[in-house]
Protein backbone atom coordinates (compact mmCIF):
# COMPACT_ATOMS: atom_id res chain seq x y z
CA MET A 1 79.11 -113.20 120.70
CA LYS A 2 79.22 -116.93 121.21
CA PHE A 3 75.43 -117.22 121.59
CA LEU A 4 74.98 -116.47 117.87
CA SER A 5 76.80 -119.68 116.90
CA VAL A 6 74.42 -122.03 118.75
CA SER A 7 71.56 -123.35 116.65
CA PRO A 8 68.09 -122.94 118.21
CA SER A 9 66.69 -125.86 116.19
CA ALA A 10 67.49 -129.56 116.65
CA ARG A 11 66.55 -130.25 113.03
CA ALA A 12 68.91 -127.56 111.75
CA SER A 13 71.71 -128.86 113.98
CA ALA A 14 71.22 -132.35 112.56
CA LEU A 15 71.53 -130.87 109.06
CA SER A 16 74.75 -129.02 110.03
CA ASP A 17 72.87 -125.70 109.94
CA ALA A 18 72.60 -125.96 106.15
CA VAL A 19 68.93 -125.01 106.06
CA THR A 20 68.87 -121.60 104.38
CA SER A 21 66.57 -122.90 101.63
CA VAL A 22 64.46 -125.24 103.81
CA GLU A 23 61.10 -124.02 105.11
CA MET A 24 61.35 -124.42 108.90
CA GLY A 25 58.17 -122.75 110.16
CA ALA A 26 58.81 -120.23 112.92
CA TYR A 27 62.55 -120.94 112.78
CA SER A 28 62.63 -119.49 109.26
CA ALA A 29 62.96 -116.00 110.74
CA PHE A 30 66.29 -117.04 112.28
CA TYR A 31 67.83 -118.79 109.27
CA ASN A 32 66.33 -117.13 106.18
CA PRO A 33 63.34 -114.78 106.53
CA ALA A 34 62.62 -115.07 102.79
CA THR A 35 61.43 -118.67 103.26
CA MET A 36 58.61 -117.49 105.54
CA VAL A 37 56.45 -116.85 102.45
CA ASN A 38 56.21 -120.65 102.01
CA ILE A 39 54.58 -121.23 105.41
CA THR A 40 51.07 -122.53 104.70
CA SER A 41 49.67 -122.50 108.23
CA LYS A 42 48.07 -119.36 109.62
CA TYR A 43 50.02 -119.49 112.89
CA SER A 44 53.48 -120.77 113.68
CA ALA A 45 55.26 -120.65 117.03
CA THR A 46 58.23 -122.31 118.64
CA ILE A 47 59.63 -122.61 122.14
CA GLY A 48 63.16 -123.63 122.98
CA SER A 49 65.63 -123.75 125.81
CA VAL A 50 69.43 -123.85 125.76
CA GLN A 51 71.53 -124.70 128.80
CA TRP A 52 74.65 -122.56 128.52
CA ILE A 53 77.96 -123.81 129.89
CA THR A 54 80.13 -120.80 130.70
CA ASP A 55 83.59 -120.14 132.08
CA ILE A 56 85.12 -123.49 131.21
């Protein structure tokens, strides 16, 4: 399942996906759901798009 190895967050990619202890807002559910307790805002949402290159 190659799609699981692609990071959905540009910030996490820049940090080499070493963000398991960093509060990332809505992305926290992807990396470490336990950090979601630190989210101070009432609402948090994120939208992303990945262009997949297949069959190369």
